[in-house]
Amino acid sequence: MAASPKRTSQDPAPERGLVPEQAPAPEQAPAPEQAPAPERIPHVRVAVVGSGFGGLGAGVRLRRAGITDFVILERASAVGGTWRDNSYPGCACDVPSHLYSFSFAPNPDWPRSFSFQPDIRAYLERVADTFGLRPHLRFDAEVLELRWEQERNRWRVTTAAGTWTADAVVSAAGPLADPQIPDLPGLAEFPGKVFHSSRWDHDFDLTGKRVAIVGTGASAAQIIPAIQPKVGKLTVFQRTPAWVLPRNDREISAAEKWLHAALPPTGKLRRGVLFALRELQVDAFVRRPGALKLVQQLAVRNIHQGVKDPELRAKLTPDYRIGCKRILLSNTYYPALAAPNAEVVSSGLREFRGSTLVAADGSEHEVDAVVFGTGFHVTDMPIAQRVFGVDGVSLADEWKDGMEALRGSTVRGFPNLFFVIGPNTGLGNSSMILMIESQLNYLIDALTTLDRIGGGALQPTARAQRQWNLELQHKMDRTVWSTGGCVSWYLDGSGKNTVLWPGSTSSFRRATRRIDLAEYEVVRRPAGAPVTVTNPQEALA
């Protein structure tokens, strides 16, 4: 991190907490018997972890609520989150552009109905600039530990760029942050190139190479058509085929862009129509999976149109109900797999033997490079191992039997820790930005409520958190994700869906519109007294 310029007496003082300060150097070395000056650790009202959609959205909402004393801690050197990390060939969004953006930051200049990664990343950079978030950003500041200090009623945030203390922490690290690579025998001895789709090596030229793609999820479905024409041989290891629907993508005309810029309500109308169409689909996913039969027929027809070989078609046809796993959108995936230089191995990868990859079915394949499209640590988020709450209990231990939170946002034992894209807030058919904005509503209401009642921190009651998750999992039992006959990354090791929200985005917005103090305990520390936990109604008195 670059050193801050020296400030003269005429310069305005920096906003509290935004610039970590060092203790001033003494003019002379202290005498041996003198104690060193105490460490001066900057304190902020809120520390935000991550600078993707969740972290930047939190920053905007905090400023709009009049809370300007915050930092956004980013482990990389630029904003963007998953849209910064994932830069693989063909990387794009499968949600329409005008819905995959903040409601408070419409973009009339989206180039396509489904945007590619560079356009989404550029959008996030503009959000950081437009809403004045740059002074709050701290890059190369990976969070090493978040520890609740009970005696001071605050969080200590230790990062690679220094230490802060904070009244509240917003975890917006996101579930698609840490790549998951299987621990396969012989991988370390493989002589060729290996990388994960989210850590693409753009310096490595795939032209003419024998390349293996491990996995057939959303990333692989975009990578395969992008690299198939240039590689010498493409070998795809597929444990489970995915349902793929046509991608109705097109360029957005100059006239449309002009209209949305000149008449912003037209852009809002477009977003509203896209939102309504997605909401109409929810019932089929969460209550009546049988209604997805027509959609599945469209997907079957898509296979027949893209793949003429009956044997390959059989390999690529799933045996579970559509919607159970994430539905993919592509017009080029099947033609790429049917190309002469492509081979689909309908088996998982078992081991490496030098440059030979051995599949679970025993087949062997010589390759020069391996790309893992094997997803992320979603149900076992690594940041949980770095968070320590009341009595030093780690969030990883708290979640050892599965992630859960109250309204996807707060966890008992971790006061004033708020999640954006927390447990059971994911979507199977719509825009995650809608869910993020709902959680930001909840965050701001919680912080302003604390100010109003004079409280120090909030944590959910055991009863409220338990009741919320019991009801949530009861609703989950009838969804296509539970009844569709597949095993997906939505499920943890015990088969519990801790990722998705079993309802509409509208219902989640209603559930997180305001904080209900009856579901919380207020943790406060009166002057000169130890930390106490009180009934919130008493705090209002």
Protein backbone atom coordinates (compact mmCIF):
# COMPACT_ATOMS: atom_id res chain seq x y z
CA MET A 1 0.00 0.00 0.00
CA ALA A 2 1.43 3.36 -0.96
CA ALA A 3 2.32 5.74 1.84
CA SER A 4 -0.08 8.60 2.46
CA PRO A 5 1.27 12.06 1.57
CA LYS A 6 2.31 14.25 4.47
CA ARG A 7 -0.57 16.44 5.65
CA THR A 8 0.01 20.07 6.53
CA SER A 9 -1.94 22.04 9.11
CA GLN A 10 -4.00 23.51 6.25
CA ASP A 11 -5.06 20.10 4.93
CA PRO A 12 -8.41 18.73 6.09
CA ALA A 13 -8.19 15.84 8.51
CA PRO A 14 -8.99 12.47 6.94
CA GLU A 15 -12.40 10.96 7.63
CA ARG A 16 -12.32 8.92 10.81
CA GLY A 17 -11.09 5.40 10.27
CA LEU A 18 -10.48 5.60 6.52
CA VAL A 19 -6.70 5.90 6.75
CA PRO A 20 -4.90 3.56 9.16
CA GLU A 21 -2.57 5.68 11.24
CA GLN A 22 0.80 4.78 12.65
CA ALA A 23 1.97 6.00 16.02
CA PRO A 24 4.16 9.10 15.39
CA ALA A 25 7.85 8.36 15.48
CA PRO A 26 9.58 9.89 18.51
CA GLU A 27 12.21 12.53 17.86
CA GLN A 28 14.73 10.55 19.89
CA ALA A 29 14.90 6.88 20.72
CA PRO A 30 13.19 6.20 24.05
CA ALA A 31 15.27 5.39 27.06
CA PRO A 32 15.60 1.66 27.70
CA GLU A 33 13.22 1.83 30.68
CA GLN A 34 10.47 3.54 28.68
CA ALA A 35 7.62 1.41 27.37
CA PRO A 36 6.96 1.63 23.61
CA ALA A 37 4.11 3.84 22.51
CA PRO A 38 0.84 1.91 22.38
CA GLU A 39 -0.33 0.74 18.98
CA ARG A 40 -2.86 3.10 17.44
CA ILE A 41 -5.44 1.00 15.60
CA PRO A 42 -7.98 2.88 13.50
CA HIS A 43 -11.61 2.32 14.40
CA VAL A 44 -14.51 2.39 11.94
CA ARG A 45 -18.22 2.08 12.31
CA VAL A 46 -18.40 -0.68 9.66
CA ALA A 47 -15.82 -2.91 7.98
CA VAL A 48 -16.98 -4.45 4.72
CA VAL A 49 -15.24 -7.56 3.42
CA GLY A 50 -15.13 -7.85 -0.37
CA SER A 51 -15.65 -5.46 -3.28
CA GLY A 52 -17.91 -7.37 -5.63
CA PHE A 53 -21.58 -6.57 -6.07
CA GLY A 54 -22.23 -7.19 -2.37
CA GLY A 55 -19.37 -5.09 -0.99
CA LEU A 56 -19.83 -2.15 -3.35
CA GLY A 57 -23.58 -2.24 -2.84
CA ALA A 58 -23.03 -2.13 0.92
CA GLY A 59 -20.77 0.89 0.51
CA VAL A 60 -23.36 2.77 -1.54
CA ARG A 61 -26.16 2.02 0.91
CA LEU A 62 -24.04 2.96 3.92
CA ARG A 63 -23.22 6.35 2.41
CA ARG A 64 -26.86 6.95 1.51
CA ALA A 65 -27.80 6.21 5.13
CA GLY A 66 -25.32 8.84 6.32
CA ILE A 67 -22.78 6.27 7.52
CA THR A 68 -19.49 7.38 6.00
CA ASP A 69 -17.14 5.88 8.58
CA PHE A 70 -16.39 2.56 6.89
CA VAL A 71 -13.75 0.67 4.94
CA ILE A 72 -14.13 -1.88 2.17
CA LEU A 73 -11.41 -4.51 2.51
CA GLU A 74 -10.46 -6.27 -0.73
CA ARG A 75 -7.87 -9.02 -0.94
CA ALA A 76 -7.08 -8.32 -4.61
CA SER A 77 -5.81 -5.11 -6.21
CA ALA A 78 -9.07 -4.11 -7.92
CA VAL A 79 -12.82 -4.23 -7.40
CA GLY A 80 -15.09 -6.74 -9.08
CA GLY A 81 -15.26 -9.90 -6.99
CA THR A 82 -16.11 -12.95 -9.07
CA TRP A 83 -16.33 -10.74 -12.19
CA ARG A 84 -12.71 -9.74 -11.68
CA ASP A 85 -11.46 -13.24 -10.91
CA ASN A 86 -13.29 -15.06 -13.69
CA SER A 87 -11.82 -13.88 -16.97
CA TYR A 88 -11.77 -17.18 -18.82
CA PRO A 89 -12.60 -17.27 -22.56
CA GLY A 90 -16.32 -16.85 -23.14
CA CYS A 91 -17.09 -15.71 -19.57
CA ALA A 92 -20.55 -14.13 -19.49
CA CYS A 93 -23.65 -13.78 -17.34
CA ASP A 94 -26.72 -15.98 -17.76
CA VAL A 95 -29.06 -13.32 -16.34
CA PRO A 96 -30.26 -10.46 -18.59
CA SER A 97 -28.06 -7.39 -18.25
CA HIS A 98 -30.80 -4.94 -17.27
CA LEU A 99 -31.75 -7.21 -14.37
CA TYR A 100 -28.19 -8.05 -13.39
CA SER A 101 -27.40 -4.55 -12.17
CA PHE A 102 -28.26 -2.35 -9.20
CA SER A 103 -31.68 -0.72 -9.18
CA PHE A 104 -29.99 2.50 -8.00
CA ALA A 105 -27.39 2.38 -10.78
CA PRO A 106 -29.12 1.60 -14.07
CA ASN A 107 -26.88 1.23 -17.11
CA PRO A 108 -28.49 2.26 -20.41
CA ASP A 109 -25.35 1.26 -22.32
CA TRP A 110 -25.33 -2.51 -21.87
CA PRO A 111 -24.02 -3.83 -25.23
CA ARG A 112 -25.88 -7.15 -25.18
CA SER A 113 -28.95 -8.65 -23.59
CA PHE A 114 -26.57 -11.05 -21.77
CA SER A 115 -23.32 -9.27 -20.95
CA PHE A 116 -19.79 -10.61 -21.08
CA GLN A 117 -17.38 -10.40 -18.16
CA PRO A 118 -15.45 -7.28 -19.27
CA ASP A 119 -18.67 -5.24 -19.45
CA ILE A 120 -19.84 -6.34 -16.00
CA ARG A 121 -16.45 -5.65 -14.47
CA ALA A 122 -16.37 -2.20 -16.10
CA TYR A 123 -19.84 -1.55 -14.66
CA LEU A 124 -18.60 -2.30 -11.14
CA GLU A 125 -15.61 0.01 -11.61
CA ARG A 126 -18.02 2.80 -12.61
CA VAL A 127 -20.18 2.14 -9.55
CA ALA A 128 -17.10 2.55 -7.34
CA ASP A 129 -16.30 5.87 -9.04
CA THR A 130 -19.83 7.28 -9.38
CA PHE A 131 -20.80 6.69 -5.77
CA GLY A 132 -17.56 7.92 -4.21
CA LEU A 133 -16.34 4.58 -2.87
CA ARG A 134 -12.66 4.91 -3.80
CA PRO A 135 -11.61 6.63 -0.53
CA HIS A 136 -13.14 3.74 1.41
CA LEU A 137 -11.42 0.95 -0.55
CA ARG A 138 -8.37 -0.86 0.81
CA PHE A 139 -6.74 -3.18 -1.73
CA ASP A 140 -4.39 -6.10 -1.04
CA ALA A 141 -6.09 -6.30 2.36
CA GLU A 142 -7.02 -9.95 2.65
CA VAL A 143 -8.86 -10.58 5.91
CA LEU A 144 -6.78 -12.94 8.03
CA GLU A 145 -8.99 -12.90 11.11
CA LEU A 146 -12.25 -11.42 12.36
CA ARG A 147 -12.47 -11.66 16.14
CA TRP A 148 -15.26 -10.38 18.40
CA GLU A 149 -13.86 -8.53 21.43
CA GLN A 150 -16.52 -9.07 24.08
CA GLU A 151 -15.00 -6.72 26.62
CA ARG A 152 -15.12 -3.84 24.13
CA ASN A 153 -18.20 -4.82 22.16
CA ARG A 154 -16.46 -4.60 18.79
CA TRP A 155 -14.75 -6.59 16.06
CA ARG A 156 -11.00 -6.71 15.58
CA VAL A 157 -10.27 -7.08 11.87
CA THR A 158 -6.77 -8.30 11.05
CA THR A 159 -5.77 -8.03 7.40
CA ALA A 160 -2.68 -8.30 5.23
CA ALA A 161 -2.67 -4.48 5.07
CA GLY A 162 -3.09 -3.74 8.76
CA THR A 163 -5.58 -3.98 11.58
CA TRP A 164 -8.86 -2.17 12.19
CA THR A 165 -11.51 -2.35 14.85
CA ALA A 166 -15.16 -1.99 13.89
CA ASP A 167 -18.56 -1.76 15.51
CA ALA A 168 -19.99 -4.00 12.78
CA VAL A 169 -18.71 -6.22 9.99
CA VAL A 170 -20.39 -6.92 6.67
CA SER A 171 -19.19 -10.15 5.09
CA ALA A 172 -19.64 -9.75 1.34
CA ALA A 173 -16.90 -12.20 0.38
CA GLY A 174 -19.43 -14.20 -1.63
CA PRO A 175 -19.77 -17.95 -2.20
CA LEU A 176 -18.02 -17.96 -5.60
CA ALA A 177 -14.71 -16.66 -4.29
CA ASP A 178 -12.50 -19.64 -3.48
CA PRO A 179 -11.97 -22.25 -6.20
CA GLN A 180 -12.33 -25.92 -5.41
CA ILE A 181 -9.84 -28.30 -7.00
CA PRO A 182 -10.18 -32.02 -6.22
CA ASP A 183 -7.26 -33.66 -4.46
CA LEU A 184 -6.45 -36.32 -7.05
CA PRO A 185 -3.58 -38.80 -6.90
CA GLY A 186 -0.66 -37.74 -9.09
CA LEU A 187 -1.87 -34.18 -9.65
CA ALA A 188 1.26 -32.64 -8.15
CA GLU A 189 3.47 -34.65 -10.54
CA PHE A 190 1.56 -33.75 -13.72
CA PRO A 191 4.17 -32.24 -16.09
CA GLY A 192 1.73 -30.05 -18.04
CA LYS A 193 -0.20 -26.89 -17.22
CA VAL A 194 -2.98 -26.93 -14.61
CA PHE A 195 -5.31 -24.13 -13.52
CA HIS A 196 -8.85 -23.50 -12.33
CA SER A 197 -11.33 -21.69 -14.54
CA SER A 198 -11.42 -18.75 -12.10
CA ARG A 199 -7.63 -18.41 -12.19
CA TRP A 200 -7.18 -18.53 -15.95
CA ASP A 201 -3.59 -18.33 -17.18
CA HIS A 202 -3.81 -15.98 -20.18
CA ASP A 203 -0.08 -16.35 -20.83
CA PHE A 204 -0.48 -20.03 -21.67
CA ASP A 205 -1.32 -20.57 -25.35
CA LEU A 206 -3.77 -23.44 -25.85
CA THR A 207 -3.37 -23.45 -29.63
CA GLY A 208 -2.83 -26.98 -30.89
CA LYS A 209 -2.57 -28.40 -27.36
CA ARG A 210 -4.29 -31.49 -25.98
CA VAL A 211 -6.54 -29.94 -23.33
CA ALA A 212 -8.73 -31.56 -20.70
CA ILE A 213 -11.71 -29.82 -19.15
CA VAL A 214 -12.79 -31.34 -15.84
CA GLY A 215 -16.44 -30.60 -15.11
CA THR A 216 -19.46 -29.58 -17.17
CA GLY A 217 -20.99 -26.78 -15.12
CA ALA A 218 -21.72 -23.18 -16.04
CA SER A 219 -18.07 -22.14 -16.51
CA ALA A 220 -17.16 -25.20 -18.57
CA ALA A 221 -20.19 -24.65 -20.82
CA GLN A 222 -18.76 -21.26 -21.76
CA ILE A 223 -15.10 -22.28 -21.94
CA ILE A 224 -15.61 -25.35 -24.15
CA PRO A 225 -17.09 -23.50 -27.17
CA ALA A 226 -14.53 -20.70 -26.77
CA ILE A 227 -11.43 -22.92 -26.91
CA GLN A 228 -12.59 -25.92 -28.98
CA PRO A 229 -11.78 -24.34 -32.37
CA LYS A 230 -8.17 -23.59 -31.41
CA VAL A 231 -7.04 -26.65 -29.39
CA GLY A 232 -5.64 -29.76 -31.01
CA LYS A 233 -7.72 -32.18 -28.93
CA LEU A 234 -10.37 -31.40 -26.31
CA THR A 235 -11.22 -34.03 -23.71
CA VAL A 236 -14.16 -33.26 -21.43
CA PHE A 237 -14.60 -35.22 -18.19
CA GLN A 238 -18.29 -35.24 -17.32
CA ARG A 239 -19.55 -36.85 -14.15
CA THR A 240 -23.13 -35.65 -14.64
CA PRO A 241 -24.58 -33.99 -17.77
CA ALA A 242 -26.37 -30.67 -17.49
CA TRP A 243 -29.63 -29.51 -19.02
CA VAL A 244 -28.91 -26.78 -21.56
CA LEU A 245 -31.40 -24.34 -23.06
CA PRO A 246 -30.85 -21.98 -26.00
CA ARG A 247 -29.36 -18.60 -25.13
CA ASN A 248 -31.53 -15.85 -26.59
CA ASP A 249 -28.75 -13.31 -26.73
CA ARG A 250 -28.44 -10.36 -29.10
CA GLU A 251 -26.83 -6.97 -29.44
CA ILE A 252 -28.76 -4.08 -27.91
CA SER A 253 -29.37 -1.53 -30.62
CA ALA A 254 -28.18 2.07 -30.54
CA ALA A 255 -31.84 3.15 -30.57
CA GLU A 256 -32.56 1.12 -27.41
CA LYS A 257 -29.55 2.57 -25.65
CA TRP A 258 -30.58 6.11 -26.64
CA LEU A 259 -34.13 5.51 -25.44
CA HIS A 260 -33.03 4.19 -22.03
CA ALA A 261 -30.58 7.09 -21.59
CA ALA A 262 -33.03 9.79 -22.71
CA LEU A 263 -36.06 8.31 -20.94
CA PRO A 264 -34.86 6.40 -17.85
CA PRO A 265 -38.39 5.09 -17.08
CA THR A 266 -38.11 2.92 -20.20
CA GLY A 267 -35.07 1.17 -18.73
CA LYS A 268 -36.96 0.72 -15.49
CA LEU A 269 -39.88 -0.76 -17.41
CA ARG A 270 -37.56 -3.19 -19.17
CA ARG A 271 -36.10 -4.27 -15.87
CA GLY A 272 -39.59 -4.68 -14.43
CA VAL A 273 -40.69 -6.94 -17.27
CA LEU A 274 -37.60 -9.11 -16.89
CA PHE A 275 -38.20 -9.30 -13.14
CA ALA A 276 -41.86 -10.28 -13.58
CA LEU A 277 -41.00 -13.06 -16.04
CA ARG A 278 -38.51 -14.53 -13.57
CA GLU A 279 -41.00 -14.30 -10.72
CA LEU A 280 -43.59 -16.22 -12.75
CA GLN A 281 -41.14 -19.11 -13.06
CA VAL A 282 -40.53 -19.45 -9.32
CA ASP A 283 -43.59 -21.56 -8.54
CA ALA A 284 -42.41 -24.36 -10.82
CA PHE A 285 -39.05 -24.55 -9.03
CA VAL A 286 -40.25 -24.33 -5.44
CA ARG A 287 -43.78 -25.77 -5.35
CA ARG A 288 -44.74 -27.60 -8.55
CA PRO A 289 -41.65 -29.17 -10.16
CA GLY A 290 -43.93 -31.14 -12.47
CA ALA A 291 -44.67 -27.89 -14.28
CA LEU A 292 -41.10 -27.97 -15.62
CA LYS A 293 -41.91 -30.83 -18.02
CA LEU A 294 -42.46 -28.45 -20.94
CA VAL A 295 -39.13 -26.73 -20.28
CA GLN A 296 -37.44 -30.13 -20.16
CA GLN A 297 -38.93 -30.99 -23.57
CA LEU A 298 -37.38 -27.80 -24.97
CA ALA A 299 -34.01 -28.87 -23.54
CA VAL A 300 -34.33 -32.34 -25.10
CA ARG A 301 -35.06 -30.74 -28.46
CA ASN A 302 -31.98 -28.54 -28.00
CA ILE A 303 -29.82 -31.67 -27.59
CA HIS A 304 -31.25 -33.24 -30.73
CA GLN A 305 -30.63 -30.09 -32.74
CA GLY A 306 -27.04 -29.71 -31.53
CA VAL A 307 -25.92 -33.37 -31.45
CA LYS A 308 -26.63 -35.80 -34.30
CA ASP A 309 -24.63 -38.76 -32.97
CA PRO A 310 -27.01 -40.96 -30.89
CA GLU A 311 -24.20 -42.26 -28.66
CA LEU A 312 -22.96 -38.77 -27.78
CA ARG A 313 -26.54 -37.57 -27.38
CA ALA A 314 -27.15 -40.32 -24.82
CA LYS A 315 -24.05 -39.25 -22.86
CA LEU A 316 -25.26 -35.64 -22.76
CA THR A 317 -28.86 -36.36 -21.74
CA PRO A 318 -29.42 -36.01 -17.96
CA ASP A 319 -31.47 -38.58 -16.03
CA TYR A 320 -32.82 -36.06 -13.51
CA ARG A 321 -35.52 -33.41 -13.74
CA ILE A 322 -34.56 -30.10 -15.25
CA GLY A 323 -33.95 -27.42 -12.62
CA CYS A 324 -32.51 -29.85 -10.06
CA LYS A 325 -29.06 -28.65 -11.06
CA ARG A 326 -28.33 -25.24 -12.51
CA ILE A 327 -29.80 -24.86 -16.00
CA LEU A 328 -27.20 -23.74 -18.53
CA LEU A 329 -27.76 -21.39 -21.47
CA SER A 330 -25.78 -21.86 -24.66
CA ASN A 331 -26.18 -22.07 -28.42
CA THR A 332 -22.64 -23.34 -28.99
CA TYR A 333 -22.02 -25.92 -26.25
CA TYR A 334 -23.45 -28.96 -28.03
CA PRO A 335 -21.90 -28.19 -31.44
CA ALA A 336 -18.49 -27.81 -29.73
CA LEU A 337 -18.81 -31.20 -28.03
CA ALA A 338 -19.87 -32.77 -31.32
CA ALA A 339 -16.81 -31.40 -33.16
CA PRO A 340 -14.26 -33.91 -34.55
CA ASN A 341 -11.50 -32.78 -32.14
CA ALA A 342 -13.70 -33.14 -29.02
CA GLU A 343 -14.30 -36.18 -26.85
CA VAL A 344 -16.73 -36.53 -23.95
CA VAL A 345 -15.72 -38.95 -21.22
CA SER A 346 -18.88 -39.72 -19.30
CA SER A 347 -16.97 -40.39 -16.13
CA GLY A 348 -15.18 -38.42 -13.46
CA LEU A 349 -11.41 -38.04 -13.34
CA ARG A 350 -9.80 -40.60 -11.00
CA GLU A 351 -6.06 -39.96 -11.07
CA PHE A 352 -3.01 -38.59 -12.90
CA ARG A 353 -0.21 -40.85 -14.16
CA GLY A 354 2.41 -38.49 -15.50
CA SER A 355 0.76 -36.79 -18.47
CA THR A 356 -1.95 -39.45 -18.61
CA LEU A 357 -5.34 -38.77 -17.08
CA VAL A 358 -7.21 -41.83 -15.87
CA ALA A 359 -10.99 -41.65 -15.71
CA ALA A 360 -13.17 -43.49 -13.22
CA ASP A 361 -14.19 -45.87 -16.03
CA GLY A 362 -10.54 -46.82 -16.52
CA SER A 363 -10.01 -45.02 -19.83
CA GLU A 364 -6.71 -43.18 -20.30
CA HIS A 365 -6.13 -39.83 -21.99
CA GLU A 366 -2.86 -38.06 -22.80
CA VAL A 367 -3.07 -34.29 -22.35
CA ASP A 368 -0.82 -31.23 -22.23
CA ALA A 369 -3.03 -29.04 -20.03
CA VAL A 370 -5.88 -29.43 -17.56
CA VAL A 371 -8.53 -26.84 -16.76
CA PHE A 372 -10.63 -27.50 -13.67
CA GLY A 373 -14.19 -26.24 -13.97
CA THR A 374 -14.99 -27.79 -10.62
CA GLY A 375 -16.70 -24.92 -8.87
CA PHE A 376 -16.09 -23.23 -5.54
CA HIS A 377 -16.20 -23.72 -1.79
CA VAL A 378 -19.85 -22.76 -1.47
CA THR A 379 -21.23 -24.79 1.45
CA ASP A 380 -17.91 -24.61 3.33
CA MET A 381 -16.89 -20.99 2.83
CA PRO A 382 -13.23 -20.64 3.84
CA ILE A 383 -13.79 -17.27 5.52
CA ALA A 384 -15.76 -19.10 8.23
CA GLN A 385 -12.46 -20.52 9.50
CA ARG A 386 -11.22 -16.96 10.11
CA VAL A 387 -14.24 -15.63 12.04
CA PHE A 388 -14.35 -15.98 15.84
CA GLY A 389 -17.39 -14.86 17.79
CA VAL A 390 -18.55 -14.96 21.39
CA ASP A 391 -16.19 -16.98 23.63
CA GLY A 392 -13.82 -17.43 20.69
CA VAL A 393 -16.03 -19.93 18.88
CA SER A 394 -15.22 -20.08 15.16
CA LEU A 395 -17.93 -19.72 12.55
CA ALA A 396 -16.62 -22.92 10.94
CA ASP A 397 -17.36 -24.82 14.16
CA GLU A 398 -20.76 -23.15 14.44
CA TRP A 399 -21.53 -24.34 10.91
CA LYS A 400 -19.99 -27.80 11.18
CA ASP A 401 -23.44 -29.37 10.77
CA GLY A 402 -24.39 -27.02 7.93
CA MET A 403 -24.54 -23.27 7.33
CA GLU A 404 -27.53 -21.42 8.72
CA ALA A 405 -28.43 -17.86 9.61
CA LEU A 406 -31.46 -15.79 10.50
CA ARG A 407 -32.98 -14.41 7.29
CA GLY A 408 -29.72 -15.27 5.56
CA SER A 409 -28.05 -12.35 7.31
CA THR A 410 -27.08 -12.88 10.96
CA VAL A 411 -25.82 -15.76 13.12
CA ARG A 412 -26.22 -16.25 16.84
CA GLY A 413 -22.92 -15.95 18.69
CA PHE A 414 -21.56 -13.44 16.17
CA PRO A 415 -22.98 -10.03 17.16
CA ASN A 416 -23.05 -7.30 14.52
CA LEU A 417 -21.83 -9.64 11.79
CA PHE A 418 -24.02 -9.23 8.72
CA PHE A 419 -23.89 -11.39 5.62
CA VAL A 420 -24.56 -10.38 2.05
CA ILE A 421 -25.29 -13.53 0.03
CA GLY A 422 -25.48 -15.49 3.26
CA PRO A 423 -26.84 -19.02 3.79
CA ASN A 424 -29.97 -19.87 1.75
CA THR A 425 -30.07 -16.62 -0.20
CA GLY A 426 -29.04 -17.99 -3.59
CA LEU A 427 -31.35 -18.16 -6.59
CA GLY A 428 -31.92 -20.81 -9.20
CA ASN A 429 -33.67 -18.71 -11.79
CA SER A 430 -33.21 -14.96 -11.29
CA SER A 431 -30.74 -12.19 -10.50
CA MET A 432 -28.68 -12.36 -7.32
CA ILE A 433 -28.53 -8.55 -7.34
CA LEU A 434 -32.18 -8.56 -6.24
CA MET A 435 -31.28 -10.65 -3.20
CA ILE A 436 -28.23 -8.53 -2.44
CA GLU A 437 -30.30 -5.35 -2.38
CA SER A 438 -32.80 -7.00 -0.03
CA GLN A 439 -30.03 -7.94 2.38
CA LEU A 440 -28.66 -4.42 2.20
CA ASN A 441 -32.10 -3.09 3.21
CA TYR A 442 -31.91 -5.38 6.24
CA LEU A 443 -28.36 -4.28 7.09
CA ILE A 444 -29.16 -0.58 7.01
CA ASP A 445 -32.32 -1.02 9.06
CA ALA A 446 -30.35 -2.99 11.68
CA LEU A 447 -27.64 -0.33 11.98
CA THR A 448 -30.08 2.57 12.15
CA THR A 449 -32.21 0.68 14.68
CA LEU A 450 -29.15 0.17 16.87
CA ASP A 451 -28.56 3.92 16.79
CA ARG A 452 -32.16 4.60 17.67
CA ILE A 453 -32.24 2.30 20.70
CA GLY A 454 -28.73 3.12 21.87
CA GLY A 455 -27.58 -0.47 21.55
CA GLY A 456 -24.09 -1.69 20.89
CA ALA A 457 -24.74 -4.86 18.91
CA LEU A 458 -27.41 -7.29 17.81
CA GLN A 459 -27.43 -11.06 17.68
CA PRO A 460 -30.36 -13.36 16.85
CA THR A 461 -32.05 -15.32 19.57
CA ALA A 462 -31.57 -19.08 19.43
CA ARG A 463 -35.31 -19.57 19.01
CA ALA A 464 -35.66 -17.12 16.10
CA GLN A 465 -32.72 -18.59 14.19
CA ARG A 466 -33.90 -22.16 14.77
CA GLN A 467 -37.51 -21.39 13.79
CA TRP A 468 -36.49 -19.56 10.62
CA ASN A 469 -34.35 -22.47 9.42
CA LEU A 470 -36.86 -25.16 10.34
CA GLU A 471 -39.51 -23.40 8.26
CA LEU A 472 -37.03 -22.78 5.44
CA GLN A 473 -35.97 -26.43 5.22
CA HIS A 474 -39.62 -27.55 5.39
CA LYS A 475 -40.29 -25.45 2.28
CA MET A 476 -37.13 -26.83 0.68
CA ASP A 477 -38.48 -30.40 0.85
CA ARG A 478 -40.90 -29.84 -2.03
CA THR A 479 -38.57 -27.92 -4.36
CA VAL A 480 -37.09 -29.36 -7.53
CA TRP A 481 -33.64 -29.11 -5.89
CA SER A 482 -34.75 -31.71 -3.34
CA THR A 483 -37.09 -33.86 -5.44
CA GLY A 484 -35.45 -33.70 -8.87
CA GLY A 485 -33.19 -36.71 -8.41
CA CYS A 486 -29.75 -35.11 -8.63
CA VAL A 487 -26.78 -34.23 -6.44
CA SER A 488 -25.77 -30.60 -6.90
CA TRP A 489 -23.38 -28.04 -5.45
CA TYR A 490 -26.40 -26.56 -3.68
CA LEU A 491 -26.19 -29.43 -1.17
CA ASP A 492 -23.68 -29.83 1.63
CA GLY A 493 -22.07 -33.10 2.69
CA SER A 494 -25.18 -34.24 4.55
CA GLY A 495 -27.49 -33.50 1.62
CA LYS A 496 -28.92 -30.30 3.13
CA ASN A 497 -29.54 -27.37 0.80
CA THR A 498 -27.83 -24.46 2.52
CA VAL A 499 -27.44 -22.32 -0.60
CA LEU A 500 -30.78 -21.55 -2.25
CA TRP A 501 -33.84 -19.59 -1.20
CA PRO A 502 -37.03 -21.69 -1.53
CA GLY A 503 -39.26 -18.84 -2.65
CA SER A 504 -39.58 -15.77 -4.82
CA THR A 505 -37.32 -12.76 -4.66
CA SER A 506 -40.40 -10.74 -3.69
CA SER A 507 -41.03 -12.92 -0.65
CA PHE A 508 -37.41 -12.55 0.44
CA ARG A 509 -37.61 -8.79 0.05
CA ARG A 510 -40.69 -8.75 2.29
CA ALA A 511 -38.90 -10.94 4.84
CA THR A 512 -35.91 -8.58 5.00
CA ARG A 513 -37.64 -5.22 4.63
CA ARG A 514 -37.17 -4.40 8.30
CA ILE A 515 -35.45 -5.94 11.27
CA ASP A 516 -37.76 -7.50 13.85
CA LEU A 517 -36.35 -6.75 17.30
CA ALA A 518 -38.38 -9.60 18.76
CA GLU A 519 -35.96 -11.95 16.96
CA TYR A 520 -32.88 -10.35 18.51
CA GLU A 521 -30.98 -9.75 21.69
CA VAL A 522 -29.30 -6.40 22.12
CA VAL A 523 -25.73 -6.61 23.34
CA ARG A 524 -24.69 -3.39 25.04
CA ARG A 525 -21.96 -2.15 27.36
CA PRO A 526 -22.97 0.74 29.60
CA ALA A 527 -20.14 3.01 30.72
CA GLY A 528 -18.07 1.29 33.38
CA ALA A 529 -20.09 -1.92 33.21
CA PRO A 530 -19.41 -5.29 31.60
CA VAL A 531 -21.12 -6.37 28.41
CA THR A 532 -24.72 -7.38 29.07
CA VAL A 533 -27.39 -9.02 26.97
CA THR A 534 -30.85 -7.52 27.30
CA ASN A 535 -34.30 -7.91 25.90
CA PRO A 536 -34.70 -5.45 22.99
CA GLN A 537 -37.91 -4.11 24.46
CA GLU A 538 -35.94 -3.07 27.53
CA ALA A 539 -33.43 -1.35 25.27
CA LEU A 540 -36.23 0.70 23.78
CA ALA A 541 -37.33 1.92 27.18
